[in-house]
Protein backbone atom coordinates (compact mmCIF):
# COMPACT_ATOMS: atom_id res chain seq x y z
CA MET A 1 184.80 -90.69 -104.08
CA THR A 2 183.42 -94.01 -104.16
CA HIS A 3 180.38 -95.22 -106.32
CA THR A 4 178.66 -98.47 -106.90
CA TYR A 5 177.71 -99.92 -110.49
CA ASN A 6 175.73 -102.71 -111.66
CA VAL A 7 177.88 -105.16 -113.79
CA THR A 8 175.82 -107.81 -115.89
CA GLY A 9 177.57 -110.69 -117.89
CA MET A 10 179.70 -112.11 -115.13
CA THR A 11 178.94 -115.83 -114.47
CA CYS A 12 181.96 -117.22 -112.33
CA ASN A 13 184.80 -115.99 -110.42
CA GLY A 14 186.94 -115.90 -113.34
CA CYS A 15 184.60 -113.14 -114.69
CA ARG A 16 184.73 -111.34 -111.49
CA ALA A 17 188.49 -111.51 -111.27
CA SER A 18 188.67 -110.16 -114.82
CA VAL A 19 186.33 -107.13 -114.35
CA GLU A 20 188.11 -106.36 -111.03
CA LYS A 21 191.40 -106.24 -112.61
CA THR A 22 190.46 -104.38 -115.85
CA LEU A 23 188.81 -101.49 -113.59
CA SER A 24 191.65 -101.52 -111.32
CA ALA A 25 194.10 -100.82 -114.00
CA LEU A 26 192.17 -97.34 -114.94
CA PRO A 27 193.75 -94.26 -114.25
CA ASN A 28 192.47 -92.42 -110.87
CA VAL A 29 190.91 -95.70 -109.60
CA THR A 30 192.37 -96.34 -106.39
CA LYS A 31 190.20 -99.51 -105.38
CA VAL A 32 187.69 -101.56 -106.96
CA ASP A 33 185.53 -104.40 -104.96
CA VAL A 34 183.47 -106.68 -107.44
CA GLU A 35 180.69 -108.80 -106.14
CA LEU A 36 179.68 -111.78 -108.10
CA GLN A 37 176.41 -112.68 -106.08
CA SER A 38 174.99 -108.95 -106.23
CA GLN A 39 176.66 -108.42 -109.73
CA THR A 40 177.99 -105.17 -108.62
CA ALA A 41 181.15 -103.06 -108.67
CA THR A 42 182.14 -100.40 -105.89
CA ILE A 43 184.82 -98.41 -107.42
CA THR A 44 186.74 -95.71 -105.11
CA MET A 45 188.46 -93.11 -107.57
CA SER A 46 190.48 -90.00 -106.91
CA LYS A 47 188.84 -88.32 -109.77
CA HIS A 48 185.21 -88.93 -111.29
CA ILE A 49 185.25 -91.39 -114.23
CA GLU A 50 182.35 -91.45 -116.78
CA VAL A 51 180.62 -94.58 -116.95
CA ASP A 52 181.45 -94.70 -121.03
CA THR A 53 184.96 -94.77 -119.87
CA LEU A 54 184.31 -97.58 -117.55
CA GLN A 55 182.39 -99.42 -120.10
CA ASN A 56 185.11 -98.99 -122.89
CA ALA A 57 187.80 -100.58 -120.82
CA LEU A 58 185.65 -103.66 -120.18
CA SER A 59 184.90 -106.68 -122.82
CA ASP A 60 181.78 -106.36 -124.71
CA LYS A 61 180.51 -109.43 -122.55
CA TYR A 62 180.14 -107.27 -119.69
CA THR A 63 177.68 -104.21 -119.17
CA ILE A 64 178.31 -101.66 -116.59
CA THR A 65 175.58 -99.07 -115.55
CA GLU A 66 175.09 -96.64 -112.47
CA GLN A 67 172.91 -97.88 -109.82
CA ALA A 68 169.63 -96.49 -109.44
CA THR A 69 168.88 -94.28 -106.27
CA LYS A 70 166.89 -96.70 -103.95
CA ASN A 71 164.13 -95.51 -101.36
CA VAL A 72 165.72 -96.06 -98.01
CA PHE A 73 162.51 -96.40 -96.46
CA SER A 74 161.68 -99.62 -98.40
CA SER A 75 161.35 -102.95 -96.89
CA VAL A 76 164.84 -104.11 -97.98
CA ASN A 77 164.54 -107.41 -96.26
CA THR A 78 161.08 -108.40 -98.02
CA VAL A 79 162.77 -107.72 -101.34
CA GLU A 80 165.87 -109.87 -100.74
CA GLU A 81 163.65 -112.72 -99.24
CA LYS A 82 161.47 -112.62 -102.47
CA SER A 83 164.39 -112.40 -104.88
CA GLU A 84 166.23 -115.37 -103.24
CA LEU A 85 162.94 -117.52 -103.40
CA ARG A 86 162.74 -116.57 -107.13
CA GLN A 87 166.31 -117.61 -107.53
CA LEU A 88 165.78 -120.92 -105.75
CA MET A 89 162.76 -121.83 -107.94
CA PRO A 90 164.70 -123.49 -110.63
CA LEU A 91 166.08 -125.89 -107.74
CA PHE A 92 162.34 -126.61 -106.77
CA LEU A 93 161.44 -127.32 -110.05
CA ILE A 94 164.34 -129.76 -110.85
CA ILE A 95 163.61 -131.51 -107.71
CA GLY A 96 160.02 -131.84 -108.94
CA TYR A 97 160.79 -133.25 -112.15
CA ILE A 98 163.05 -135.62 -110.47
CA THR A 99 160.36 -136.80 -108.10
CA VAL A 100 157.58 -137.22 -110.56
CA ALA A 101 160.09 -139.52 -112.74
CA SER A 102 160.97 -141.43 -109.72
CA ILE A 103 157.27 -141.90 -108.84
CA LEU A 104 156.33 -142.93 -112.42
CA LEU A 105 159.30 -145.60 -112.32
CA ASN A 106 157.89 -147.23 -109.29
CA ARG A 107 154.14 -146.83 -109.33
CA ASN A 108 153.05 -150.14 -110.59
CA PRO A 109 153.87 -151.96 -108.15
CA TRP A 110 154.84 -149.25 -105.73
CA ASN A 111 158.22 -149.67 -103.78
CA THR A 112 159.28 -147.06 -101.68
CA ASN A 113 163.00 -148.35 -101.64
CA SER A 114 163.19 -148.51 -105.12
CA PHE A 115 161.74 -145.03 -105.48
CA MET A 116 164.31 -143.58 -103.25
CA LEU A 117 167.18 -145.34 -104.87
CA ASP A 118 166.12 -144.00 -108.48
CA PHE A 119 165.46 -140.44 -106.83
CA MET A 120 168.95 -140.40 -105.47
CA GLY A 121 170.35 -141.65 -108.64
CA LEU A 122 168.49 -139.19 -110.90
CA PHE A 123 169.41 -136.38 -108.40
CA TYR A 124 173.16 -137.08 -108.87
CA ILE A 125 173.24 -137.74 -112.60
CA VAL A 126 171.17 -134.22 -113.10
CA PHE A 127 173.40 -132.07 -110.82
CA SER A 128 176.33 -133.56 -111.96
CA PHE A 129 175.53 -132.42 -115.53
CA PHE A 130 175.42 -128.80 -114.49
CA LYS A 131 178.52 -129.03 -112.62
CA LEU A 132 180.10 -130.43 -115.77
CA LEU A 133 178.78 -127.49 -117.93
CA ASP A 134 181.01 -125.18 -115.92
CA LEU A 135 183.88 -127.76 -114.86
CA LYS A 136 186.43 -124.93 -115.00
CA GLY A 137 184.63 -122.65 -112.63
CA PHE A 138 183.08 -125.18 -110.20
CA PRO A 139 186.14 -126.16 -108.43
CA GLU A 140 187.23 -122.61 -107.54
CA SER A 141 183.82 -121.99 -105.79
CA PHE A 142 183.52 -125.65 -104.36
CA ARG A 143 186.83 -124.65 -102.74
CA MET A 144 185.36 -121.71 -101.18
CA TYR A 145 183.18 -123.73 -98.63
CA ASP A 146 183.98 -127.55 -98.99
CA PRO A 147 186.61 -128.31 -96.29
CA LEU A 148 188.04 -131.20 -98.30
CA ALA A 149 188.19 -129.46 -101.65
CA LYS A 150 189.82 -126.30 -99.86
CA ALA A 151 192.64 -128.84 -98.32
CA VAL A 152 192.96 -130.80 -101.67
CA PRO A 153 192.13 -128.76 -104.56
CA ALA A 154 192.02 -131.83 -107.16
CA TYR A 155 188.76 -132.95 -104.99
CA GLY A 156 186.82 -130.09 -106.52
CA TRP A 157 187.84 -131.33 -110.30
CA VAL A 158 186.84 -134.96 -109.36
CA TYR A 159 183.61 -134.39 -107.28
CA PRO A 160 181.24 -134.08 -110.66
CA PHE A 161 182.47 -137.48 -111.60
CA ILE A 162 182.12 -138.77 -108.25
CA GLU A 163 178.55 -137.71 -108.31
CA VAL A 164 178.18 -139.26 -111.91
CA ALA A 165 179.37 -142.69 -110.54
CA LEU A 166 177.27 -142.55 -107.39
CA GLY A 167 174.13 -141.86 -109.72
CA LEU A 168 175.06 -144.80 -111.94
CA MET A 169 175.42 -146.95 -108.81
CA PHE A 170 171.79 -146.27 -107.47
CA LEU A 171 170.19 -146.15 -110.96
CA MET A 172 171.77 -149.90 -111.58
CA ARG A 173 171.49 -151.33 -108.06
CA PHE A 174 175.16 -151.85 -107.79
CA GLN A 175 176.84 -151.72 -104.34
CA THR A 176 174.14 -149.61 -103.27
CA SER A 177 175.12 -149.85 -99.43
CA ALA A 178 178.91 -148.75 -100.20
CA ALA A 179 177.06 -145.93 -102.68
CA LEU A 180 174.90 -144.89 -99.37
CA ILE A 181 178.08 -144.77 -97.07
CA ILE A 182 179.96 -142.72 -99.71
CA THR A 183 177.05 -140.16 -99.97
CA LEU A 184 176.96 -139.86 -96.22
CA VAL A 185 180.71 -139.16 -96.05
CA VAL A 186 180.91 -136.89 -99.13
CA LEU A 187 178.04 -134.88 -98.38
CA GLY A 188 178.59 -134.73 -94.63
CA ILE A 189 181.79 -133.03 -95.35
CA THR A 190 180.35 -130.50 -97.77
CA THR A 191 177.56 -129.76 -95.34
CA ILE A 192 179.86 -128.95 -92.68
CA GLY A 193 181.31 -126.06 -94.99
CA VAL A 194 177.95 -125.19 -95.99
CA THR A 195 176.53 -124.74 -92.27
CA LYS A 196 179.87 -122.80 -91.33
CA THR A 197 179.15 -120.35 -94.43
CA LEU A 198 175.56 -119.92 -93.37
CA LEU A 199 176.59 -119.20 -89.82
CA ASP A 200 179.11 -116.69 -90.98
CA LYS A 201 176.24 -115.32 -93.37
CA LYS A 202 178.26 -115.43 -96.40
CA SER A 203 176.64 -115.92 -99.84
CA ILE A 204 178.59 -117.84 -102.41
CA GLN A 205 177.38 -117.83 -106.14
CA CYS A 206 177.02 -121.22 -107.54
CA ALA A 207 179.58 -121.43 -110.23
CA CYS A 208 178.43 -124.89 -111.22
CA LEU A 209 175.01 -123.66 -112.18
CA GLY A 210 175.90 -120.11 -113.12
CA THR A 211 175.59 -120.25 -116.68
CA ALA A 212 172.47 -121.79 -116.65
CA LEU A 213 170.85 -121.23 -113.11
CA LYS A 214 171.70 -118.28 -110.92
CA LEU A 215 171.31 -119.94 -107.56
CA PRO A 216 172.70 -118.88 -104.08
CA MET A 217 175.23 -121.59 -103.61
CA THR A 218 174.84 -121.97 -99.78
CA LYS A 219 171.03 -122.62 -99.72
CA ALA A 220 170.75 -124.46 -102.87
CA THR A 221 173.74 -126.71 -101.90
CA PHE A 222 172.14 -127.06 -98.03
CA ILE A 223 168.87 -127.99 -99.31
CA GLU A 224 170.36 -130.81 -102.06
CA ASN A 225 172.54 -132.09 -99.33
CA ALA A 226 169.84 -132.32 -96.71
CA ILE A 227 167.64 -134.24 -99.01
CA MET A 228 170.02 -136.83 -99.98
CA ILE A 229 171.55 -137.27 -96.71
CA ILE A 230 168.01 -138.23 -95.08
CA MET A 231 167.19 -140.51 -97.94
CA ALA A 232 170.89 -142.11 -97.53
CA VAL A 233 170.20 -142.70 -93.75
CA ILE A 234 166.81 -144.16 -94.31
CA MET A 235 168.17 -146.58 -96.75
CA LEU A 236 171.00 -147.52 -94.51
CA VAL A 237 168.43 -148.06 -91.77
CA ASN A 238 166.22 -150.11 -93.82
CA THR A 239 169.17 -152.32 -95.27
CA TYR A 240 170.77 -153.12 -92.10
CA ALA A 241 167.64 -153.52 -89.94
CA VAL A 242 166.36 -156.44 -92.00
């Protein structure tokens, strides 16, 4: 028999692995599949196991409950779309705050190039902050979609610091042309992996924001990269067209 349960308290792939390992060790459990994105655990058991038994096996950090029966005639796609938009709302708020701050820094007199440099600098600094909050969990998730991080695991550990360096270069107007080229290369590689993940219809939890913001990694990263790549291209065109 197979049952699906809700599991709360998981914030990264390490949590997912821990829950899966603990539940798999229980008597009469033949298979366990834990999903971080949906916060669920699908357990196949040879004999029915009470929820209390499952809960007692887990750390106090996690709470496991039976899934409520859903109406099969409800509009599942509509609910999922609303949920995803709600998940992405923190990202839109962050982008909004960065945009307002960049406008205020350049409003008098207005300078479009300076606005974009400040936007990119603040963007890198803010997002590197969230990655550094979960530096242990970020590289593991980053490897799941970034081709370079998959080939060179150490790159995942260095990546947040690359963002810090690029952010400071933009804000201090230090070697901005080099920073723009590095931005195109680094984010270009990541975007290739993100695009492949989207085409494969995979959904990856953003471990770098997991403890503070629960965002779908693929969509959040795609939006972030698209904004930065477009600005980098515009800035490079403006620089070398002069």
